[in-house]
Amino acid sequence: FNNLLTNAIRYTDPRGHIAVEIEDEFQQVR
């Protein structure tokens, strides 16, 4: 999570939006 979110912050211009979504699938969490 830290690596992916840090990457998103670094390559998104100021005042940008980052959305994290978690959902339950058949035999896994996505």
PDB file of all heavy atoms in Angstrom:
ATOM      1  N   PHE A   1       0.831  -1.203   0.000  1.00  0.00           N
ATOM      2  CA  PHE A   1       0.000   0.000   0.000  1.00  0.00           C
ATOM      3  C   PHE A   1       0.870   1.259   0.000  1.00  0.00           C
ATOM      4  O   PHE A   1       0.611   2.210  -0.757  1.00  0.00           O
ATOM      5  CB  PHE A   1      -0.916   0.025   1.236  1.00  0.00           C
ATOM      6  CG  PHE A   1      -2.205  -0.717   1.067  1.00  0.00           C
ATOM      7  CD1 PHE A   1      -2.373  -1.972   1.628  1.00  0.00           C
ATOM      8  CD2 PHE A   1      -3.247  -0.168   0.347  1.00  0.00           C
ATOM      9  CE1 PHE A   1      -3.570  -2.658   1.488  1.00  0.00           C
ATOM     10  CE2 PHE A   1      -4.451  -0.835   0.194  1.00  0.00           C
ATOM     11  CZ  PHE A   1      -4.611  -2.095   0.764  1.00  0.00           C
ATOM     12  N   ASN A   2       1.896   1.266   0.828  1.00  0.00           N
ATOM     13  CA  ASN A   2       2.757   2.440   0.945  1.00  0.00           C
ATOM     14  C   ASN A   2       3.448   2.753  -0.382  1.00  0.00           C
ATOM     15  O   ASN A   2       3.476   3.906  -0.831  1.00  0.00           O
ATOM     16  CB  ASN A   2       3.796   2.215   2.040  1.00  0.00           C
ATOM     17  CG  ASN A   2       4.600   3.457   2.337  1.00  0.00           C
ATOM     18  OD1 ASN A   2       4.155   4.335   3.078  1.00  0.00           O
ATOM     19  ND2 ASN A   2       5.782   3.559   1.773  1.00  0.00           N
ATOM     20  N   ASN A   3       4.000   1.728  -1.040  1.00  0.00           N
ATOM     21  CA  ASN A   3       4.691   1.943  -2.311  1.00  0.00           C
ATOM     22  C   ASN A   3       3.741   2.440  -3.394  1.00  0.00           C
ATOM     23  O   ASN A   3       4.072   3.357  -4.157  1.00  0.00           O
ATOM     24  CB  ASN A   3       5.379   0.658  -2.765  1.00  0.00           C
ATOM     25  CG  ASN A   3       6.602   0.330  -1.936  1.00  0.00           C
ATOM     26  OD1 ASN A   3       6.921   1.024  -0.973  1.00  0.00           O
ATOM     27  ND2 ASN A   3       7.292  -0.741  -2.274  1.00  0.00           N
ATOM     28  N   LEU A   4       2.558   1.844  -3.484  1.00  0.00           N
ATOM     29  CA  LEU A   4       1.610   2.236  -4.530  1.00  0.00           C
ATOM     30  C   LEU A   4       1.046   3.641  -4.277  1.00  0.00           C
ATOM     31  O   LEU A   4       0.917   4.445  -5.217  1.00  0.00           O
ATOM     32  CB  LEU A   4       0.467   1.219  -4.619  1.00  0.00           C
ATOM     33  CG  LEU A   4       0.852  -0.189  -5.089  1.00  0.00           C
ATOM     34  CD1 LEU A   4      -0.373  -1.100  -5.096  1.00  0.00           C
ATOM     35  CD2 LEU A   4       1.477  -0.147  -6.480  1.00  0.00           C
ATOM     36  N   LEU A   5       0.721   3.948  -3.022  1.00  0.00           N
ATOM     37  CA  LEU A   5       0.176   5.270  -2.718  1.00  0.00           C
ATOM     38  C   LEU A   5       1.233   6.360  -2.851  1.00  0.00           C
ATOM     39  O   LEU A   5       0.958   7.453  -3.369  1.00  0.00           O
ATOM     40  CB  LEU A   5      -0.416   5.284  -1.310  1.00  0.00           C
ATOM     41  CG  LEU A   5      -1.802   4.642  -1.185  1.00  0.00           C
ATOM     42  CD1 LEU A   5      -2.177   4.424   0.272  1.00  0.00           C
ATOM     43  CD2 LEU A   5      -2.860   5.497  -1.875  1.00  0.00           C
ATOM     44  N   THR A   6       2.462   6.078  -2.413  1.00  0.00           N
ATOM     45  CA  THR A   6       3.542   7.046  -2.564  1.00  0.00           C
ATOM     46  C   THR A   6       3.783   7.341  -4.033  1.00  0.00           C
ATOM     47  O   THR A   6       3.993   8.483  -4.441  1.00  0.00           O
ATOM     48  CB  THR A   6       4.838   6.519  -1.914  1.00  0.00           C
ATOM     49  OG1 THR A   6       4.599   6.287  -0.526  1.00  0.00           O
ATOM     50  CG2 THR A   6       5.965   7.529  -2.054  1.00  0.00           C
ATOM     51  N   ASN A   7       3.734   6.298  -4.859  1.00  0.00           N
ATOM     52  CA  ASN A   7       3.895   6.452  -6.305  1.00  0.00           C
ATOM     53  C   ASN A   7       2.788   7.341  -6.872  1.00  0.00           C
ATOM     54  O   ASN A   7       3.038   8.227  -7.704  1.00  0.00           O
ATOM     55  CB  ASN A   7       3.863   5.078  -6.966  1.00  0.00           C
ATOM     56  CG  ASN A   7       4.762   4.995  -8.164  1.00  0.00           C
ATOM     57  OD1 ASN A   7       5.949   5.282  -8.087  1.00  0.00           O
ATOM     58  ND2 ASN A   7       4.203   4.626  -9.291  1.00  0.00           N
ATOM     59  N   ALA A   8       1.554   7.104  -6.428  1.00  0.00           N
ATOM     60  CA  ALA A   8       0.426   7.897  -6.916  1.00  0.00           C
ATOM     61  C   ALA A   8       0.576   9.363  -6.524  1.00  0.00           C
ATOM     62  O   ALA A   8       0.316  10.267  -7.330  1.00  0.00           O
ATOM     63  CB  ALA A   8      -0.886   7.332  -6.361  1.00  0.00           C
ATOM     64  N   ILE A   9       1.005   9.617  -5.290  1.00  0.00           N
ATOM     65  CA  ILE A   9       1.210  10.998  -4.827  1.00  0.00           C
ATOM     66  C   ILE A   9       2.297  11.676  -5.647  1.00  0.00           C
ATOM     67  O   ILE A   9       2.164  12.824  -6.067  1.00  0.00           O
ATOM     68  CB  ILE A   9       1.575  11.008  -3.327  1.00  0.00           C
ATOM     69  CG1 ILE A   9       0.375  10.543  -2.487  1.00  0.00           C
ATOM     70  CG2 ILE A   9       2.029  12.397  -2.880  1.00  0.00           C
ATOM     71  CD1 ILE A   9       0.714  10.263  -1.033  1.00  0.00           C
ATOM     72  N   ARG A  10       3.387  10.952  -5.902  1.00  0.00           N
ATOM     73  CA  ARG A  10       4.536  11.531  -6.604  1.00  0.00           C
ATOM     74  C   ARG A  10       4.176  11.939  -8.033  1.00  0.00           C
ATOM     75  O   ARG A  10       4.606  12.974  -8.518  1.00  0.00           O
ATOM     76  CB  ARG A  10       5.691  10.526  -6.613  1.00  0.00           C
ATOM     77  CG  ARG A  10       6.951  11.043  -7.284  1.00  0.00           C
ATOM     78  CD  ARG A  10       8.056  10.003  -7.240  1.00  0.00           C
ATOM     79  NE  ARG A  10       8.442   9.735  -5.862  1.00  0.00           N
ATOM     80  CZ  ARG A  10       8.514   8.524  -5.333  1.00  0.00           C
ATOM     81  NH1 ARG A  10       8.224   7.471  -6.057  1.00  0.00           N
ATOM     82  NH2 ARG A  10       8.884   8.372  -4.077  1.00  0.00           N
ATOM     83  N   TYR A  11       3.378  11.131  -8.723  1.00  0.00           N
ATOM     84  CA  TYR A  11       3.118  11.380 -10.140  1.00  0.00           C
ATOM     85  C   TYR A  11       1.738  11.985 -10.402  1.00  0.00           C
ATOM     86  O   TYR A  11       1.237  11.942 -11.518  1.00  0.00           O
ATOM     87  CB  TYR A  11       3.300  10.084 -10.933  1.00  0.00           C
ATOM     88  CG  TYR A  11       4.736   9.645 -10.975  1.00  0.00           C
ATOM     89  CD1 TYR A  11       5.157   8.518 -10.269  1.00  0.00           C
ATOM     90  CD2 TYR A  11       5.695  10.377 -11.662  1.00  0.00           C
ATOM     91  CE1 TYR A  11       6.481   8.117 -10.271  1.00  0.00           C
ATOM     92  CE2 TYR A  11       7.017   9.988 -11.671  1.00  0.00           C
ATOM     93  CZ  TYR A  11       7.408   8.862 -10.978  1.00  0.00           C
ATOM     94  OH  TYR A  11       8.719   8.477 -10.993  1.00  0.00           O
ATOM     95  N   THR A  12       1.134  12.540  -9.364  1.00  0.00           N
ATOM     96  CA  THR A  12      -0.132  13.254  -9.536  1.00  0.00           C
ATOM     97  C   THR A  12       0.096  14.730  -9.252  1.00  0.00           C
ATOM     98  O   THR A  12       0.730  15.085  -8.261  1.00  0.00           O
ATOM     99  CB  THR A  12      -1.220  12.693  -8.586  1.00  0.00           C
ATOM    100  OG1 THR A  12      -1.429  11.303  -8.881  1.00  0.00           O
ATOM    101  CG2 THR A  12      -2.531  13.442  -8.751  1.00  0.00           C
ATOM    102  N   ASP A  13      -0.397  15.585 -10.131  1.00  0.00           N
ATOM    103  CA  ASP A  13      -0.214  17.024  -9.969  1.00  0.00           C
ATOM    104  C   ASP A  13      -0.902  17.527  -8.700  1.00  0.00           C
ATOM    105  O   ASP A  13      -1.812  16.872  -8.176  1.00  0.00           O
ATOM    106  CB  ASP A  13      -0.777  17.769 -11.196  1.00  0.00           C
ATOM    107  CG  ASP A  13       0.080  17.562 -12.432  1.00  0.00           C
ATOM    108  OD1 ASP A  13       1.297  17.308 -12.287  1.00  0.00           O
ATOM    109  OD2 ASP A  13      -0.470  17.636 -13.535  1.00  0.00           O
ATOM    110  N   PRO A  14      -0.482  18.694  -8.195  1.00  0.00           N
ATOM    111  CA  PRO A  14      -1.116  19.253  -6.998  1.00  0.00           C
ATOM    112  C   PRO A  14      -2.639  19.330  -7.119  1.00  0.00           C
ATOM    113  O   PRO A  14      -3.178  19.532  -8.201  1.00  0.00           O
ATOM    114  CB  PRO A  14      -0.485  20.647  -6.896  1.00  0.00           C
ATOM    115  CG  PRO A  14       0.862  20.481  -7.531  1.00  0.00           C
ATOM    116  CD  PRO A  14       0.649  19.522  -8.664  1.00  0.00           C
ATOM    117  N   ARG A  15      -3.298  19.162  -5.963  1.00  0.00           N
ATOM    118  CA  ARG A  15      -4.763  19.194  -5.851  1.00  0.00           C
ATOM    119  C   ARG A  15      -5.421  18.031  -6.594  1.00  0.00           C
ATOM    120  O   ARG A  15      -6.561  18.118  -7.039  1.00  0.00           O
ATOM    121  CB  ARG A  15      -5.335  20.536  -6.338  1.00  0.00           C
ATOM    122  CG  ARG A  15      -4.818  21.742  -5.550  1.00  0.00           C
ATOM    123  CD  ARG A  15      -5.487  23.045  -6.038  1.00  0.00           C
ATOM    124  NE  ARG A  15      -4.977  24.188  -5.308  1.00  0.00           N
ATOM    125  CZ  ARG A  15      -3.914  24.878  -5.649  1.00  0.00           C
ATOM    126  NH1 ARG A  15      -3.223  24.524  -6.723  1.00  0.00           N
ATOM    127  NH2 ARG A  15      -3.509  25.909  -4.940  1.00  0.00           N
ATOM    128  N   GLY A  16      -4.680  16.946  -6.730  1.00  0.00           N
ATOM    129  CA  GLY A  16      -5.224  15.761  -7.370  1.00  0.00           C
ATOM    130  C   GLY A  16      -6.002  14.902  -6.394  1.00  0.00           C
ATOM    131  O   GLY A  16      -6.088  15.195  -5.197  1.00  0.00           O
ATOM    132  N   HIS A  17      -6.601  13.827  -6.925  1.00  0.00           N
ATOM    133  CA  HIS A  17      -7.396  12.929  -6.083  1.00  0.00           C
ATOM    134  C   HIS A  17      -6.922  11.503  -6.285  1.00  0.00           C
ATOM    135  O   HIS A  17      -6.667  11.072  -7.412  1.00  0.00           O
ATOM    136  CB  HIS A  17      -8.883  13.033  -6.412  1.00  0.00           C
ATOM    137  CG  HIS A  17      -9.733  12.120  -5.578  1.00  0.00           C
ATOM    138  ND1 HIS A  17      -9.871  12.278  -4.215  1.00  0.00           N
ATOM    139  CD2 HIS A  17     -10.455  11.022  -5.898  1.00  0.00           C
ATOM    140  CE1 HIS A  17     -10.658  11.326  -3.737  1.00  0.00           C
ATOM    141  NE2 HIS A  17     -11.012  10.545  -4.742  1.00  0.00           N
ATOM    142  N   ILE A  18      -6.804  10.777  -5.185  1.00  0.00           N
ATOM    143  CA  ILE A  18      -6.400   9.376  -5.211  1.00  0.00           C
ATOM    144  C   ILE A  18      -7.479   8.580  -4.491  1.00  0.00           C
ATOM    145  O   ILE A  18      -7.860   8.917  -3.361  1.00  0.00           O
ATOM    146  CB  ILE A  18      -5.034   9.180  -4.524  1.00  0.00           C
ATOM    147  CG1 ILE A  18      -3.952   9.986  -5.260  1.00  0.00           C
ATOM    148  CG2 ILE A  18      -4.661   7.706  -4.471  1.00  0.00           C
ATOM    149  CD1 ILE A  18      -2.680  10.174  -4.472  1.00  0.00           C
ATOM    150  N   ALA A  19      -7.995   7.561  -5.151  1.00  0.00           N
ATOM    151  CA  ALA A  19      -9.105   6.776  -4.595  1.00  0.00           C
ATOM    152  C   ALA A  19      -8.662   5.335  -4.376  1.00  0.00           C
ATOM    153  O   ALA A  19      -8.178   4.675  -5.292  1.00  0.00           O
ATOM    154  CB  ALA A  19     -10.305   6.812  -5.544  1.00  0.00           C
ATOM    155  N   VAL A  20      -8.830   4.868  -3.151  1.00  0.00           N
ATOM    156  CA  VAL A  20      -8.523   3.475  -2.801  1.00  0.00           C
ATOM    157  C   VAL A  20      -9.850   2.743  -2.621  1.00  0.00           C
ATOM    158  O   VAL A  20     -10.730   3.207  -1.886  1.00  0.00           O
ATOM    159  CB  VAL A  20      -7.697   3.395  -1.506  1.00  0.00           C
ATOM    160  CG1 VAL A  20      -7.372   1.940  -1.176  1.00  0.00           C
ATOM    161  CG2 VAL A  20      -6.424   4.222  -1.631  1.00  0.00           C
ATOM    162  N   GLU A  21      -9.998   1.611  -3.294  1.00  0.00           N
ATOM    163  CA  GLU A  21     -11.240   0.834  -3.203  1.00  0.00           C
ATOM    164  C   GLU A  21     -10.895  -0.622  -2.895  1.00  0.00           C
ATOM    165  O   GLU A  21      -9.980  -1.200  -3.487  1.00  0.00           O
ATOM    166  CB  GLU A  21     -12.018   0.924  -4.513  1.00  0.00           C
ATOM    167  CG  GLU A  21     -13.385   0.251  -4.454  1.00  0.00           C
ATOM    168  CD  GLU A  21     -14.204   0.482  -5.719  1.00  0.00           C
ATOM    169  OE1 GLU A  21     -13.732   1.230  -6.599  1.00  0.00           O
ATOM    170  OE2 GLU A  21     -15.301  -0.098  -5.822  1.00  0.00           O
ATOM    171  N   ILE A  22     -11.627  -1.218  -1.958  1.00  0.00           N
ATOM    172  CA  ILE A  22     -11.407  -2.605  -1.559  1.00  0.00           C
ATOM    173  C   ILE A  22     -12.721  -3.351  -1.678  1.00  0.00           C
ATOM    174  O   ILE A  22     -13.756  -2.875  -1.197  1.00  0.00           O
ATOM    175  CB  ILE A  22     -10.888  -2.688  -0.109  1.00  0.00           C
ATOM    176  CG1 ILE A  22      -9.603  -1.854   0.054  1.00  0.00           C
ATOM    177  CG2 ILE A  22     -10.613  -4.136   0.286  1.00  0.00           C
ATOM    178  CD1 ILE A  22      -9.122  -1.752   1.493  1.00  0.00           C
ATOM    179  N   GLU A  23     -12.674  -4.520  -2.328  1.00  0.00           N
ATOM    180  CA  GLU A  23     -13.901  -5.304  -2.445  1.00  0.00           C
ATOM    181  C   GLU A  23     -13.625  -6.799  -2.351  1.00  0.00           C
ATOM    182  O   GLU A  23     -12.534  -7.281  -2.665  1.00  0.00           O
ATOM    183  CB  GLU A  23     -14.638  -4.968  -3.738  1.00  0.00           C
ATOM    184  CG  GLU A  23     -13.858  -5.127  -5.010  1.00  0.00           C
ATOM    185  CD  GLU A  23     -14.656  -4.624  -6.189  1.00  0.00           C
ATOM    186  OE1 GLU A  23     -15.860  -4.896  -6.262  1.00  0.00           O
ATOM    187  OE2 GLU A  23     -14.067  -3.940  -7.049  1.00  0.00           O
ATOM    188  N   ASP A  24     -14.646  -7.499  -1.903  1.00  0.00           N
ATOM    189  CA  ASP A  24     -14.576  -8.947  -1.713  1.00  0.00           C
ATOM    190  C   ASP A  24     -14.966  -9.633  -3.015  1.00  0.00           C
ATOM    191  O   ASP A  24     -16.013  -9.348  -3.595  1.00  0.00           O
ATOM    192  CB  ASP A  24     -15.520  -9.338  -0.572  1.00  0.00           C
ATOM    193  CG  ASP A  24     -15.499 -10.829  -0.295  1.00  0.00           C
ATOM    194  OD1 ASP A  24     -14.539 -11.494  -0.725  1.00  0.00           O
ATOM    195  OD2 ASP A  24     -16.440 -11.319   0.360  1.00  0.00           O
ATOM    196  N   GLU A  25     -14.099 -10.514  -3.492  1.00  0.00           N
ATOM    197  CA  GLU A  25     -14.423 -11.317  -4.663  1.00  0.00           C
ATOM    198  C   GLU A  25     -14.488 -12.781  -4.254  1.00  0.00           C
ATOM    199  O   GLU A  25     -14.323 -13.113  -3.079  1.00  0.00           O
ATOM    200  CB  GLU A  25     -13.396 -11.078  -5.773  1.00  0.00           C
ATOM    201  CG  GLU A  25     -13.449  -9.651  -6.322  1.00  0.00           C
ATOM    202  CD  GLU A  25     -12.551  -9.422  -7.519  1.00  0.00           C
ATOM    203  OE1 GLU A  25     -11.606 -10.219  -7.712  1.00  0.00           O
ATOM    204  OE2 GLU A  25     -12.801  -8.459  -8.262  1.00  0.00           O
ATOM    205  N   PHE A  26     -14.661 -13.668  -5.216  1.00  0.00           N
ATOM    206  CA  PHE A  26     -14.960 -15.077  -4.933  1.00  0.00           C
ATOM    207  C   PHE A  26     -13.998 -15.701  -3.926  1.00  0.00           C
ATOM    208  O   PHE A  26     -14.385 -16.060  -2.819  1.00  0.00           O
ATOM    209  CB  PHE A  26     -14.967 -15.860  -6.242  1.00  0.00           C
ATOM    210  CG  PHE A  26     -15.201 -17.330  -6.060  1.00  0.00           C
ATOM    211  CD1 PHE A  26     -16.276 -17.806  -5.296  1.00  0.00           C
ATOM    212  CD2 PHE A  26     -14.346 -18.260  -6.618  1.00  0.00           C
ATOM    213  CE1 PHE A  26     -16.486 -19.158  -5.116  1.00  0.00           C
ATOM    214  CE2 PHE A  26     -14.552 -19.619  -6.448  1.00  0.00           C
ATOM    215  CZ  PHE A  26     -15.621 -20.070  -5.700  1.00  0.00           C
ATOM    216  N   GLN A  27     -12.740 -15.851  -4.265  1.00  0.00           N
ATOM    217  CA  GLN A  27     -11.777 -16.452  -3.350  1.00  0.00           C
ATOM    218  C   GLN A  27     -10.630 -15.496  -3.011  1.00  0.00           C
ATOM    219  O   GLN A  27      -9.577 -15.916  -2.545  1.00  0.00           O
ATOM    220  CB  GLN A  27     -11.203 -17.740  -3.965  1.00  0.00           C
ATOM    221  CG  GLN A  27     -12.215 -18.873  -4.021  1.00  0.00           C
ATOM    222  CD  GLN A  27     -11.573 -20.155  -4.529  1.00  0.00           C
ATOM    223  OE1 GLN A  27     -10.667 -20.135  -5.356  1.00  0.00           O
ATOM    224  NE2 GLN A  27     -12.053 -21.283  -4.010  1.00  0.00           N
ATOM    225  N   GLN A  28     -10.872 -14.222  -3.249  1.00  0.00           N
ATOM    226  CA  GLN A  28      -9.806 -13.249  -3.034  1.00  0.00           C
ATOM    227  C   GLN A  28     -10.380 -11.889  -2.672  1.00  0.00           C
ATOM    228  O   GLN A  28     -11.579 -11.642  -2.818  1.00  0.00           O
ATOM    229  CB  GLN A  28      -8.943 -13.126  -4.290  1.00  0.00           C
ATOM    230  CG  GLN A  28      -9.723 -12.598  -5.489  1.00  0.00           C
ATOM    231  CD  GLN A  28      -8.940 -12.644  -6.781  1.00  0.00           C
ATOM    232  OE1 GLN A  28      -7.923 -13.315  -6.880  1.00  0.00           O
ATOM    233  NE2 GLN A  28      -9.406 -11.926  -7.800  1.00  0.00           N
ATOM    234  N   VAL A  29      -9.507 -11.013  -2.187  1.00  0.00           N
ATOM    235  CA  VAL A  29      -9.844  -9.608  -1.950  1.00  0.00           C
ATOM    236  C   VAL A  29      -9.102  -8.784  -2.992  1.00  0.00           C
ATOM    237  O   VAL A  29      -7.902  -8.998  -3.213  1.00  0.00           O
ATOM    238  CB  VAL A  29      -9.438  -9.170  -0.529  1.00  0.00           C
ATOM    239  CG1 VAL A  29      -9.615  -7.662  -0.366  1.00  0.00           C
ATOM    240  CG2 VAL A  29     -10.263  -9.917   0.517  1.00  0.00           C
ATOM    241  N   ARG A  30      -9.823  -7.867  -3.637  1.00  0.00           N
ATOM    242  CA  ARG A  30      -9.195  -7.050  -4.675  1.00  0.00           C
ATOM    243  C   ARG A  30      -9.102  -5.602  -4.204  1.00  0.00           C
ATOM    244  O   ARG A  30     -10.041  -5.048  -3.650  1.00  0.00           O
ATOM    245  CB  ARG A  30      -9.977  -7.101  -5.988  1.00  0.00           C
ATOM    246  CG  ARG A  30      -9.218  -6.441  -7.147  1.00  0.00           C
ATOM    247  CD  ARG A  30      -9.992  -6.504  -8.436  1.00  0.00           C
ATOM    248  NE  ARG A  30     -11.052  -5.498  -8.472  1.00  0.00           N
ATOM    249  CZ  ARG A  30     -11.667  -5.102  -9.593  1.00  0.00           C
ATOM    250  NH1 ARG A  30     -11.328  -5.638 -10.757  1.00  0.00           N
ATOM    251  NH2 ARG A  30     -12.619  -4.195  -9.550  1.00  0.00           N
TER     252      ARG A  30
END
